[in-house]
Amino acid sequence: AFSYKDPKQEQERSGFITQGWPKKPSHFIAGALGLPIERNSRKIKHPLTIYSFITLFIIIHFLGTSTNHVAFVETWGFIAKDFQRSFFLTFITSFFLHGSWFHLIGNAYYFYVFGDDVEDDMDLFSFLSLLMGGHVFAIILHGFLAGRTDVPLIGASAGISALLGYYMIRFPKRQISYMIFF
């Protein structure tokens, strides 16, 4: 027996809705690089905190790479074996350090795409608490699981992952797209 299934209904039922090619050039470039594209974001205000953090990421990366980058990371990155150094300041400073420009750009992209909606949804204190709380929690977990390692832990990925978790729970109907080439 032959039965007809409407492709549009099948896509909606399965959760996959095709949107066609991205309309903005920046979305096309991000999609071509395999990065997610947010389709239906409704921003109310400018994400000033996001812009400030990304600016700090860039400035601090310039400072670190203009000097001895390895020594800079070893000084300000979190090292589980010596976590009390600098009066626990490395719990925070490690958030702003990145290993390379690709690491920085990747974190900044995810931070901007998903963090702007979270910043828009929360007050400043809650946003910073979620961001830095996720980062510090991950550092503590790393210290327990990795043991007393002397390898510096750097990057904002854990804090950004906390924002992604909030985003996923708070905005379940937002559409995120990827471009897939066959």
Protein backbone atom coordinates (compact mmCIF):
# COMPACT_ATOMS: atom_id res chain seq x y z
CA ALA A 1 0.00 0.00 0.00
CA PHE A 2 1.15 3.51 -0.77
CA SER A 3 0.76 6.35 1.73
CA TYR A 4 1.74 9.97 1.25
CA LYS A 5 3.50 11.87 4.02
CA ASP A 6 3.68 15.62 3.80
CA PRO A 7 7.42 16.51 4.00
CA LYS A 8 6.74 19.75 5.91
CA GLN A 9 4.71 17.92 8.56
CA GLU A 10 7.43 15.26 8.83
CA GLN A 11 10.10 17.92 9.36
CA GLU A 12 8.04 19.69 12.02
CA ARG A 13 7.23 16.40 13.77
CA SER A 14 10.86 15.28 13.80
CA GLY A 15 12.04 18.64 15.11
CA PHE A 16 14.12 19.46 12.03
CA ILE A 17 12.89 22.53 10.21
CA THR A 18 14.86 23.67 7.22
CA GLN A 19 15.19 27.42 6.91
CA GLY A 20 17.13 27.72 3.67
CA TRP A 21 20.38 29.61 3.30
CA PRO A 22 21.28 32.27 5.87
CA LYS A 23 20.20 35.76 4.88
CA LYS A 24 23.06 37.71 6.53
CA PRO A 25 26.63 37.38 5.21
CA SER A 26 27.94 37.00 8.76
CA HIS A 27 25.59 34.06 9.32
CA PHE A 28 26.72 32.46 6.08
CA ILE A 29 30.39 32.75 7.09
CA ALA A 30 29.70 31.34 10.57
CA GLY A 31 27.63 28.53 9.09
CA ALA A 32 30.30 27.70 6.52
CA LEU A 33 32.77 27.37 9.40
CA GLY A 34 30.45 24.90 11.13
CA LEU A 35 29.35 27.30 13.85
CA PRO A 36 25.76 27.51 15.07
CA ILE A 37 23.49 30.28 13.79
CA GLU A 38 20.71 31.65 15.97
CA ARG A 39 17.61 32.17 13.84
CA ASN A 40 14.92 33.89 15.88
CA SER A 41 16.50 35.88 18.67
CA ARG A 42 14.57 38.81 20.10
CA LYS A 43 16.98 41.23 21.70
CA ILE A 44 15.60 44.02 23.85
CA LYS A 45 18.81 45.82 24.79
CA HIS A 46 22.42 45.93 23.65
CA PRO A 47 24.57 43.28 25.34
CA LEU A 48 27.02 45.70 26.98
CA THR A 49 28.37 43.10 29.39
CA ILE A 50 29.07 40.70 26.51
CA TYR A 51 30.83 43.46 24.55
CA SER A 52 32.88 44.40 27.63
CA PHE A 53 33.98 40.83 28.30
CA ILE A 54 34.91 40.20 24.67
CA THR A 55 36.92 43.45 24.67
CA LEU A 56 38.70 42.32 27.84
CA PHE A 57 39.42 38.91 26.26
CA ILE A 58 41.07 40.63 23.28
CA ILE A 59 43.07 43.15 25.35
CA ILE A 60 44.33 40.50 27.75
CA HIS A 61 45.22 38.18 24.87
CA PHE A 62 47.21 41.00 23.25
CA LEU A 63 49.01 41.62 26.54
CA GLY A 64 49.77 37.91 26.93
CA THR A 65 50.99 37.38 23.38
CA SER A 66 53.05 40.58 23.29
CA THR A 67 55.17 39.26 26.16
CA ASN A 68 56.21 35.69 26.89
CA HIS A 69 52.83 33.97 26.41
CA VAL A 70 53.87 30.77 28.21
CA ALA A 71 55.09 32.67 31.27
CA PHE A 72 51.94 34.86 31.21
CA VAL A 73 49.69 31.77 31.19
CA GLU A 74 51.75 30.05 33.89
CA THR A 75 51.51 33.17 36.07
CA TRP A 76 47.78 33.90 35.65
CA GLY A 77 46.30 30.52 34.67
CA PHE A 78 44.80 28.21 37.29
CA ILE A 79 47.20 25.44 38.34
CA ALA A 80 45.57 22.77 40.53
CA LYS A 81 48.86 21.86 42.20
CA ASP A 82 49.33 25.44 43.41
CA PHE A 83 45.75 26.74 43.61
CA GLN A 84 46.41 29.12 46.54
CA ARG A 85 48.95 31.25 44.69
CA SER A 86 48.13 34.89 44.05
CA PHE A 87 45.58 34.76 46.88
CA PHE A 88 43.23 32.53 44.81
CA LEU A 89 43.12 35.23 42.12
CA THR A 90 43.85 32.70 39.38
CA PHE A 91 40.32 31.31 39.89
CA ILE A 92 39.17 34.50 38.13
CA THR A 93 42.14 35.49 35.94
CA SER A 94 42.19 32.11 34.19
CA PHE A 95 38.75 32.99 32.75
CA PHE A 96 40.23 35.82 30.67
CA LEU A 97 43.20 33.88 29.25
CA HIS A 98 43.11 31.96 25.97
CA GLY A 99 45.64 29.64 24.40
CA SER A 100 45.38 30.95 20.85
CA TRP A 101 43.43 33.29 18.62
CA PHE A 102 41.22 30.37 17.53
CA HIS A 103 40.43 29.60 21.18
CA LEU A 104 39.60 33.28 21.80
CA ILE A 105 37.47 33.69 18.66
CA GLY A 106 35.56 30.46 19.32
CA ASN A 107 34.77 31.45 22.90
CA ALA A 108 33.85 35.00 21.87
CA TYR A 109 31.52 33.72 19.15
CA TYR A 110 29.58 31.36 21.44
CA PHE A 111 29.62 33.98 24.19
CA TYR A 112 28.07 36.56 21.85
CA VAL A 113 25.55 34.30 20.09
CA PHE A 114 24.10 32.72 23.24
CA GLY A 115 25.21 35.07 26.02
CA ASP A 116 23.43 38.13 24.65
CA ASP A 117 20.01 36.50 25.14
CA VAL A 118 20.93 35.31 28.62
CA GLU A 119 22.19 38.80 29.54
CA ASP A 120 18.95 40.24 28.18
CA ASP A 121 16.92 37.82 30.32
CA MET A 122 18.79 38.29 33.62
CA ASP A 123 19.89 41.17 35.80
CA LEU A 124 23.61 41.95 35.82
CA PHE A 125 24.37 40.30 39.17
CA SER A 126 22.61 37.05 38.22
CA PHE A 127 24.33 36.99 34.83
CA LEU A 128 27.80 37.49 36.32
CA SER A 129 27.06 34.96 39.07
CA LEU A 130 26.05 32.33 36.52
CA LEU A 131 29.03 33.06 34.27
CA MET A 132 31.70 33.14 36.96
CA GLY A 133 29.99 30.49 39.11
CA GLY A 134 30.10 28.07 36.17
CA HIS A 135 33.77 28.89 35.64
CA VAL A 136 34.78 28.47 39.30
CA PHE A 137 32.70 25.27 39.65
CA ALA A 138 34.50 23.78 36.63
CA ILE A 139 37.89 24.76 38.05
CA ILE A 140 37.11 23.07 41.36
CA LEU A 141 35.83 19.99 39.55
CA HIS A 142 38.97 19.98 37.39
CA GLY A 143 41.11 20.16 40.53
CA PHE A 144 39.36 17.11 42.01
CA LEU A 145 39.30 15.03 38.84
CA ALA A 146 42.69 15.90 37.35
CA GLY A 147 44.54 15.70 40.62
CA ARG A 148 47.34 18.04 41.54
CA THR A 149 48.49 18.73 38.01
CA ASP A 150 50.90 21.53 37.14
CA VAL A 151 49.32 22.27 33.74
CA PRO A 152 47.60 25.68 33.66
CA LEU A 153 43.85 25.69 33.05
CA ILE A 154 42.71 28.69 30.98
CA GLY A 155 39.71 29.90 29.02
CA ALA A 156 36.12 30.98 29.42
CA SER A 157 34.59 27.78 28.05
CA ALA A 158 33.19 26.55 31.37
CA GLY A 159 31.47 29.84 32.13
CA ILE A 160 30.11 30.01 28.59
CA SER A 161 28.87 26.43 28.96
CA ALA A 162 26.91 27.52 32.04
CA LEU A 163 25.31 30.24 29.89
CA LEU A 164 24.53 27.64 27.20
CA GLY A 165 22.84 25.45 29.82
CA TYR A 166 20.70 28.38 30.97
CA TYR A 167 19.93 29.28 27.36
CA MET A 168 18.84 25.72 26.57
CA ILE A 169 16.47 25.61 29.56
CA ARG A 170 15.12 29.15 29.28
CA PHE A 171 14.71 29.34 25.48
CA PRO A 172 13.71 25.85 24.33
CA LYS A 173 11.86 27.09 21.22
CA ARG A 174 14.72 29.14 19.78
CA GLN A 175 15.97 27.84 16.48
CA ILE A 176 19.66 27.11 16.09
CA SER A 177 20.87 26.13 12.64
CA TYR A 178 23.98 24.55 11.20
CA MET A 179 25.00 24.44 7.57
CA ILE A 180 25.83 20.94 6.42
CA PHE A 181 27.50 20.32 3.08
CA PHE A 182 27.36 16.94 1.39
